[in-house]
Protein backbone atom coordinates (compact mmCIF):
# COMPACT_ATOMS: atom_id res chain seq x y z
CA UNK A 1 23.17 4.14 7.85
CA UNK A 2 23.73 4.09 11.57
CA UNK A 3 24.97 1.12 13.53
CA UNK A 4 21.59 0.68 15.20
CA UNK A 5 19.77 0.48 11.86
CA UNK A 6 22.34 -1.95 10.53
CA UNK A 7 22.05 -4.06 13.66
CA UNK A 8 18.25 -4.25 13.50
CA UNK A 9 18.37 -5.30 9.86
CA UNK A 10 21.31 -7.69 10.03
CA UNK A 11 20.40 -9.66 13.16
CA UNK A 12 17.25 -11.35 11.74
CA UNK A 13 19.03 -12.21 8.49
CA UNK A 14 22.01 -13.67 10.30
CA UNK A 15 19.77 -15.60 12.67
CA UNK A 16 17.93 -17.19 9.78
CA UNK A 17 21.17 -18.08 8.04
CA UNK A 18 22.64 -19.60 11.20
CA UNK A 19 19.51 -21.69 11.76
CA UNK A 20 19.54 -22.93 8.19
CA UNK A 21 23.21 -23.86 8.29
CA UNK A 22 22.94 -25.47 11.71
CA UNK A 23 20.19 -27.72 10.41
CA UNK A 24 22.74 -29.11 7.92
CA UNK A 25 25.38 -30.02 10.51
CA UNK A 26 24.04 -33.59 10.98
CA UNK A 27 24.57 -34.15 7.24
CA UNK A 28 28.28 -33.43 7.60
CA UNK A 29 28.59 -35.52 10.76
CA UNK A 30 26.66 -38.47 9.34
CA UNK A 31 29.13 -39.73 6.81
CA UNK A 32 32.66 -38.87 5.85
CA UNK A 33 31.91 -39.16 2.14
CA UNK A 34 29.03 -36.70 1.96
CA UNK A 35 28.31 -35.58 -1.53
CA UNK A 36 27.23 -32.17 -2.64
CA UNK A 37 23.74 -33.45 -3.40
CA UNK A 38 23.25 -34.44 0.25
CA UNK A 39 24.20 -30.95 1.36
CA UNK A 40 21.93 -29.47 -1.30
CA UNK A 41 19.05 -31.65 -0.14
CA UNK A 42 19.62 -30.69 3.48
CA UNK A 43 19.75 -26.97 2.66
CA UNK A 44 16.63 -27.23 0.49
CA UNK A 45 14.65 -29.01 3.17
CA UNK A 46 15.89 -26.60 5.82
CA UNK A 47 14.96 -23.48 3.85
CA UNK A 48 11.62 -25.06 2.90
CA UNK A 49 10.77 -25.71 6.54
CA UNK A 50 11.85 -22.18 7.55
CA UNK A 51 9.73 -20.72 4.73
CA UNK A 52 6.66 -22.72 5.62
CA UNK A 53 7.10 -21.80 9.28
CA UNK A 54 7.33 -18.10 8.44
CA UNK A 55 4.28 -18.36 6.17
CA UNK A 56 2.36 -20.01 8.99
CA UNK A 57 3.33 -17.24 11.40
CA UNK A 58 2.24 -14.54 8.96
CA UNK A 59 -1.04 -16.35 8.31
CA UNK A 60 -1.78 -16.53 12.04
CA UNK A 61 -0.77 -12.92 12.80
CA UNK A 62 -2.37 -11.23 9.78
CA UNK A 63 -6.04 -11.51 10.91
CA UNK A 64 -5.12 -9.82 14.20
CA UNK A 65 -2.70 -7.19 12.92
CA UNK A 66 -4.69 -6.04 9.87
CA UNK A 67 -7.67 -4.55 11.77
CA UNK A 68 -5.35 -2.89 14.29
CA UNK A 69 -3.26 -1.29 11.54
CA UNK A 70 -6.45 -0.25 9.73
CA UNK A 71 -7.75 1.45 12.86
CA UNK A 72 -4.44 3.27 13.40
CA UNK A 73 -4.44 4.41 9.78
CA UNK A 74 -8.03 5.62 10.07
CA UNK A 75 -7.24 7.56 13.25
CA UNK A 76 -4.20 9.12 11.57
CA UNK A 77 -6.24 10.26 8.57
CA UNK A 78 -8.94 11.56 10.90
CA UNK A 79 -6.44 13.65 12.86
CA UNK A 80 -4.95 15.06 9.62
CA UNK A 81 -8.41 15.94 8.28
CA UNK A 82 -9.40 17.60 11.56
CA UNK A 83 -6.19 19.66 11.64
CA UNK A 84 -6.72 20.69 8.04
CA UNK A 85 -10.30 21.81 8.73
CA UNK A 86 -9.40 23.44 12.06
CA UNK A 87 -6.64 25.55 10.47
CA UNK A 88 -9.02 26.92 7.86
CA UNK A 89 -11.63 27.99 10.41
């Protein structure tokens, strides 16, 4: 695996992790006697909000991207079929 491939795969994962952890920082700063359940609640709510946000983005992008990808796939199959027929002639 090259460094570029690793970088393109690791950056989004690290960004999500940093955002989730940074959402929990107010929990630690709020009280000196924070319990583990408060941290767990903060992490759960943070990951839930990130998940719902990502689901919303996919739901808004999917109706636009699906026809475009379908058209590209259809053009690709058309080119392959034409090349296959043209080579036999």
